[in-house]
Amino acid sequence: MFSFCSDPSQLDRFYWLSCYLTTGKHMGFYASFGTVLLLLAITAPTALAFGFFGASAARSNVAPLRWLGKGYISVVRGVPDIAFFLFFIIALDQGIEYLRHKVKCSDWDQPIRQGNDFIVCDAAKMPLGSAPQWMHESYGFALAVLTFAIVFGAFAANVLFGAMRAVPRAQIETAEAYGMTRKQSFWRILVPQMWVFALPGLSNLWMVLIKATPLLFLLGIEDIVYWARELGGTKTSRFTDYPHGDWRVWYFLFLLIFYLAFTKVSEIVLERLMTRLTHGQATTGGEAQRKAA
């Protein structure tokens, strides 16, 4: 079948295009959409967890913990995303290899830093040079997820910190007057009510996270932007059975449609979630629902 499809002269335009769109590289292109969705599925709850702990630390009565939380929010939010992505990936990767090098290669007698090169023993490589390709790809993806989570976790922490402060103080005081401890009032009163104040900011953060996924391309991961540029560039018959001109505009147009459709679906889901959260709440949205009922 592949030998038959590789000769466009024997096929009309439709069959040639169907063969072209089912090549191995195009399968990698389609799979990269799954990579982006997997990144979002893992990063979003992880960043929210970072944000929750960061916001909780920022409002702590323990001074060092409060400084840590506020420092995390201020420092990460103050660094450009792309600079943090490129720096943190390298620093974290080299930090892991440095620690492994100290443990596994204690007899190493050469400097690790040799000019611009960072050299460790083979046993300290992460992952090992003999590891299969999927381990290298999984390791790079895990570093990307952690970096995304730390960056967007700082923004989420700022949103949640503001949402916690937006919950009326009288609610907490009433809970404490009924005998609840500080921990109980936090989990039973503050946390359930803060989401209605946090969701608008978190929804904006979700949209920004979606738009930031093309940064995977800069981190060396074969995402949809990588494949769109790779497949859309000019191809000649010398290098491929499917020569064509510069088709990048069509590939990136497809990515544009994908992102617009995805953000539209996100808007619908977030709007319904906001309606559910405001139900019965003493907010403008909750009051509008009561009047409509």
Protein backbone atom coordinates (compact mmCIF):
# COMPACT_ATOMS: atom_id res chain seq x y z
CA MET A 1 0.00 0.00 0.00
CA PHE A 2 2.78 2.42 0.89
CA SER A 3 4.58 1.82 -2.41
CA PHE A 4 1.30 2.48 -4.20
CA CYS A 5 0.68 5.67 -2.27
CA SER A 6 4.22 6.92 -2.75
CA ASP A 7 3.65 7.56 -6.47
CA PRO A 8 1.35 10.59 -6.81
CA SER A 9 1.24 10.22 -10.61
CA GLN A 10 -0.92 7.09 -10.21
CA LEU A 11 -3.49 8.81 -8.01
CA ASP A 12 -5.78 11.76 -8.26
CA ARG A 13 -5.43 14.67 -5.89
CA PHE A 14 -7.74 13.25 -3.23
CA TYR A 15 -5.95 9.93 -2.88
CA TRP A 16 -2.56 11.62 -2.94
CA LEU A 17 -3.62 13.91 -0.14
CA SER A 18 -5.11 11.03 1.87
CA CYS A 19 -1.82 9.17 1.60
CA TYR A 20 0.13 12.30 2.49
CA LEU A 21 -1.95 12.93 5.62
CA THR A 22 -1.46 9.36 6.90
CA THR A 23 2.33 9.22 6.80
CA GLY A 24 4.30 8.36 9.92
CA LYS A 25 5.28 11.98 10.51
CA HIS A 26 1.67 13.08 10.32
CA MET A 27 0.80 10.46 12.91
CA GLY A 28 3.40 12.13 15.12
CA PHE A 29 1.69 15.45 14.40
CA TYR A 30 -1.69 14.07 15.45
CA ALA A 31 -0.18 12.49 18.57
CA SER A 32 1.34 15.85 19.54
CA PHE A 33 -2.18 17.18 20.15
CA GLY A 34 -2.45 14.50 22.81
CA THR A 35 0.84 15.74 24.26
CA VAL A 36 -0.59 19.26 24.60
CA LEU A 37 -3.83 18.01 26.17
CA LEU A 38 -1.88 15.76 28.55
CA LEU A 39 0.28 18.71 29.56
CA LEU A 40 -2.82 20.76 30.36
CA ALA A 41 -4.48 17.87 32.21
CA ILE A 42 -1.45 17.39 34.47
CA THR A 43 -0.26 20.98 34.78
CA ALA A 44 -3.58 22.60 35.67
CA PRO A 45 -4.23 20.65 38.92
CA THR A 46 -0.51 20.68 39.78
CA ALA A 47 -0.30 24.46 39.35
CA LEU A 48 -3.49 24.83 41.37
CA ALA A 49 -1.90 22.79 44.17
CA PHE A 50 1.22 24.98 44.06
CA GLY A 51 -1.03 28.02 44.12
CA PHE A 52 -3.09 26.79 47.04
CA PHE A 53 -0.07 26.05 49.20
CA GLY A 54 1.55 29.31 48.14
CA ALA A 55 -1.55 31.31 49.06
CA SER A 56 -1.94 29.44 52.35
CA ALA A 57 1.70 30.12 53.20
CA ALA A 58 1.35 33.80 52.30
CA ARG A 59 -1.45 34.25 54.86
CA SER A 60 0.23 32.15 57.55
CA ASN A 61 0.86 33.52 61.04
CA VAL A 62 4.33 31.95 60.97
CA ALA A 63 6.65 34.66 59.66
CA PRO A 64 9.20 32.47 57.75
CA LEU A 65 6.38 30.57 56.06
CA ARG A 66 4.62 33.83 55.18
CA TRP A 67 7.83 35.25 53.72
CA LEU A 68 8.32 32.07 51.69
CA GLY A 69 4.81 32.22 50.26
CA LYS A 70 4.96 35.91 49.39
CA GLY A 71 8.48 35.54 48.02
CA TYR A 72 7.39 32.68 45.76
CA ILE A 73 4.50 34.74 44.41
CA SER A 74 6.56 37.88 43.87
CA VAL A 75 9.72 36.35 42.43
CA VAL A 76 8.15 33.92 39.94
CA ARG A 77 5.56 36.46 38.77
CA GLY A 78 8.30 39.03 38.30
CA VAL A 79 10.41 36.91 35.93
CA PRO A 80 9.38 36.70 32.23
CA ASP A 81 7.87 33.30 31.54
CA ILE A 82 10.14 32.40 28.66
CA ALA A 83 13.27 33.35 30.66
CA PHE A 84 12.13 31.24 33.60
CA PHE A 85 11.31 28.28 31.33
CA LEU A 86 14.66 28.29 29.61
CA PHE A 87 16.65 28.89 32.81
CA PHE A 88 14.79 26.54 35.14
CA ILE A 89 14.88 23.57 32.77
CA ILE A 90 18.66 23.82 32.46
CA ALA A 91 19.25 24.56 36.14
CA LEU A 92 17.01 21.75 37.37
CA ASP A 93 18.44 19.22 34.94
CA GLN A 94 22.02 20.10 35.86
CA GLY A 95 21.15 20.16 39.57
CA ILE A 96 19.79 16.62 39.41
CA GLU A 97 22.81 15.37 37.50
CA TYR A 98 25.16 17.17 39.91
CA LEU A 99 23.64 15.42 42.94
CA ARG A 100 23.71 12.04 41.19
CA HIS A 101 27.32 12.68 40.21
CA LYS A 102 28.32 13.35 43.83
CA VAL A 103 26.68 10.13 44.98
CA LYS A 104 27.56 7.74 42.15
CA CYS A 105 30.95 9.06 41.07
CA SER A 106 32.75 10.10 44.25
CA ASP A 107 36.12 9.10 42.74
CA TRP A 108 35.76 11.57 39.86
CA ASP A 109 38.91 13.75 39.76
CA GLN A 110 37.97 16.19 36.99
CA PRO A 111 36.07 19.48 37.38
CA ILE A 112 32.39 19.33 36.50
CA ARG A 113 32.47 22.83 35.06
CA GLN A 114 34.94 22.93 32.17
CA GLY A 115 34.50 26.28 30.51
CA ASN A 116 30.99 26.40 29.11
CA ASP A 117 30.59 22.62 29.39
CA PHE A 118 28.86 20.77 32.21
CA ILE A 119 30.40 17.31 32.38
CA VAL A 120 29.41 14.49 34.73
CA CYS A 121 30.11 10.78 34.66
CA ASP A 122 27.95 8.52 32.51
CA ALA A 123 26.31 6.93 35.57
CA ALA A 124 25.04 10.35 36.67
CA LYS A 125 23.30 11.18 33.41
CA MET A 126 19.58 11.71 33.77
CA PRO A 127 18.28 9.68 32.10
CA LEU A 128 21.13 7.31 31.27
CA GLY A 129 22.55 7.39 27.78
CA SER A 130 21.53 3.74 27.32
CA ALA A 131 17.93 4.44 28.31
CA PRO A 132 15.27 4.00 25.61
CA GLN A 133 14.01 7.04 23.74
CA TRP A 134 10.66 7.09 25.51
CA MET A 135 12.44 7.64 28.84
CA HIS A 136 14.26 10.68 27.47
CA GLU A 137 11.01 12.08 26.14
CA SER A 138 9.16 11.35 29.39
CA TYR A 139 11.91 13.01 31.42
CA GLY A 140 11.82 16.14 29.27
CA PHE A 141 8.04 16.22 29.49
CA ALA A 142 8.14 15.87 33.29
CA LEU A 143 10.56 18.80 33.55
CA ALA A 144 8.27 20.86 31.34
CA VAL A 145 5.22 20.02 33.48
CA LEU A 146 7.07 20.96 36.67
CA THR A 147 8.24 24.25 35.16
CA PHE A 148 4.76 25.14 33.93
CA ALA A 149 3.29 24.23 37.32
CA ILE A 150 5.74 26.40 39.24
CA VAL A 151 5.23 29.42 36.98
CA PHE A 152 1.46 29.27 36.77
CA GLY A 153 1.25 28.15 40.38
CA ALA A 154 2.62 31.55 41.40
CA PHE A 155 -0.13 33.32 39.45
CA ALA A 156 -2.71 30.94 40.90
CA ALA A 157 -1.37 31.64 44.38
CA ASN A 158 -1.89 35.37 43.86
CA VAL A 159 -5.47 34.76 42.68
CA LEU A 160 -6.29 32.44 45.58
CA PHE A 161 -4.68 34.78 48.10
CA GLY A 162 -6.97 37.56 46.92
CA ALA A 163 -9.97 35.22 46.93
CA MET A 164 -9.28 34.17 50.51
CA ARG A 165 -9.19 37.80 51.57
CA ALA A 166 -12.45 38.47 49.69
CA VAL A 167 -14.41 36.06 51.89
CA PRO A 168 -16.11 38.25 54.52
CA ARG A 169 -14.23 38.20 57.81
CA ALA A 170 -17.56 37.97 59.63
CA GLN A 171 -17.99 34.44 58.25
CA ILE A 172 -14.77 33.30 59.93
CA GLU A 173 -15.56 35.10 63.17
CA THR A 174 -19.01 33.50 63.30
CA ALA A 175 -17.48 30.05 62.80
CA GLU A 176 -14.98 30.68 65.58
CA ALA A 177 -17.79 31.96 67.82
CA TYR A 178 -19.55 28.62 67.34
CA GLY A 179 -16.46 26.83 68.61
CA MET A 180 -14.63 25.96 65.39
CA THR A 181 -10.86 25.95 65.51
CA ARG A 182 -8.82 28.03 63.08
CA LYS A 183 -8.15 24.91 61.00
CA GLN A 184 -11.82 23.93 60.90
CA SER A 185 -12.98 27.41 59.90
CA PHE A 186 -10.33 27.45 57.17
CA TRP A 187 -11.41 24.16 55.57
CA ARG A 188 -15.16 24.36 56.21
CA ILE A 189 -15.86 28.07 55.75
CA LEU A 190 -13.05 29.86 53.94
CA VAL A 191 -12.02 27.30 51.32
CA PRO A 192 -15.55 26.41 50.08
CA GLN A 193 -16.50 30.08 49.70
CA MET A 194 -13.31 31.39 48.15
CA TRP A 195 -13.76 29.56 44.83
CA VAL A 196 -16.54 31.83 43.67
CA PHE A 197 -14.15 34.78 44.05
CA ALA A 198 -11.19 32.91 42.57
CA LEU A 199 -12.82 31.41 39.48
CA PRO A 200 -12.73 34.57 37.29
CA GLY A 201 -8.99 34.92 37.86
CA LEU A 202 -8.37 31.18 37.51
CA SER A 203 -10.36 31.08 34.26
CA ASN A 204 -8.12 33.80 32.83
CA LEU A 205 -5.10 31.86 34.02
CA TRP A 206 -6.42 28.73 32.29
CA MET A 207 -6.69 30.65 29.01
CA VAL A 208 -3.14 31.93 29.41
CA LEU A 209 -1.95 28.39 30.14
CA ILE A 210 -3.56 27.17 26.92
CA LYS A 211 -1.82 29.91 24.95
CA ALA A 212 1.50 29.08 26.64
CA THR A 213 1.58 25.46 25.46
CA PRO A 214 3.53 26.36 22.28
CA LEU A 215 6.46 27.08 24.62
CA LEU A 216 6.93 23.30 24.67
CA PHE A 217 8.57 23.77 21.29
CA LEU A 218 11.26 25.93 22.91
CA LEU A 219 11.87 23.24 25.54
CA GLY A 220 12.79 20.67 22.89
CA ILE A 221 9.51 18.73 22.97
CA GLU A 222 7.95 17.74 19.66
CA ASP A 223 4.64 19.53 20.13
CA ILE A 224 2.11 20.74 17.57
CA VAL A 225 4.14 23.87 16.75
CA TYR A 226 7.24 21.79 16.04
CA TRP A 227 5.36 19.47 13.70
CA ALA A 228 3.49 22.33 11.98
CA ARG A 229 6.80 23.99 11.15
CA GLU A 230 8.44 20.69 10.24
CA LEU A 231 5.66 19.39 7.98
CA GLY A 232 4.62 22.73 6.53
CA GLY A 233 8.05 23.72 5.27
CA THR A 234 8.96 23.25 1.62
CA LYS A 235 9.63 19.62 0.68
CA THR A 236 11.41 18.35 -2.40
CA SER A 237 11.24 14.96 -4.06
CA ARG A 238 14.86 14.37 -3.05
CA PHE A 239 13.93 14.08 0.62
CA THR A 240 10.32 12.86 0.58
CA ASP A 241 7.81 10.98 -1.53
CA TYR A 242 5.38 13.87 -1.03
CA PRO A 243 6.99 17.06 -2.37
CA HIS A 244 5.13 20.34 -1.86
CA GLY A 245 5.68 24.04 -1.49
CA ASP A 246 5.61 26.12 1.67
CA TRP A 247 2.40 24.97 3.39
CA ARG A 248 3.14 26.37 6.84
CA VAL A 249 0.31 28.88 6.56
CA TRP A 250 -2.19 26.01 6.30
CA TYR A 251 -0.72 24.08 9.21
CA PHE A 252 -0.64 27.11 11.45
CA LEU A 253 -4.14 28.05 10.34
CA PHE A 254 -5.23 24.62 11.55
CA LEU A 255 -3.52 25.31 14.89
CA LEU A 256 -5.34 28.65 15.06
CA ILE A 257 -8.69 26.93 14.59
CA PHE A 258 -7.77 24.30 17.18
CA TYR A 259 -6.86 26.87 19.82
CA LEU A 260 -9.91 29.02 19.12
CA ALA A 261 -12.21 26.00 19.37
CA PHE A 262 -10.52 24.80 22.54
CA THR A 263 -10.78 28.20 24.23
CA LYS A 264 -14.44 28.47 23.21
CA VAL A 265 -15.22 25.10 24.80
CA SER A 266 -13.30 26.22 27.89
CA GLU A 267 -15.37 29.39 28.11
CA ILE A 268 -18.61 27.40 28.01
CA VAL A 269 -17.43 24.97 30.70
CA LEU A 270 -16.11 27.74 32.94
CA GLU A 271 -19.32 29.74 32.58
CA ARG A 272 -21.39 26.73 33.68
CA LEU A 273 -19.00 26.10 36.57
CA MET A 274 -19.33 29.73 37.64
CA THR A 275 -23.12 29.44 37.58
CA ARG A 276 -22.94 26.35 39.76
CA LEU A 277 -20.55 27.94 42.26
CA THR A 278 -22.57 31.14 42.64
CA HIS A 279 -25.80 29.24 43.31
CA GLY A 280 -26.98 30.19 46.79
CA GLN A 281 -24.00 32.46 47.43
CA ALA A 282 -24.32 36.04 48.71
CA THR A 283 -22.78 37.45 45.53
CA THR A 284 -24.01 39.38 42.51
CA GLY A 285 -24.28 36.14 40.52
CA GLY A 286 -26.11 34.36 43.31
CA GLU A 287 -28.52 37.27 43.73
CA ALA A 288 -29.24 37.27 39.97
CA GLN A 289 -30.06 33.55 40.12
CA ARG A 290 -32.46 34.07 43.04
CA LYS A 291 -34.27 36.86 41.19
CA ALA A 292 -34.51 34.76 38.04
CA ALA A 293 -35.98 31.88 40.04
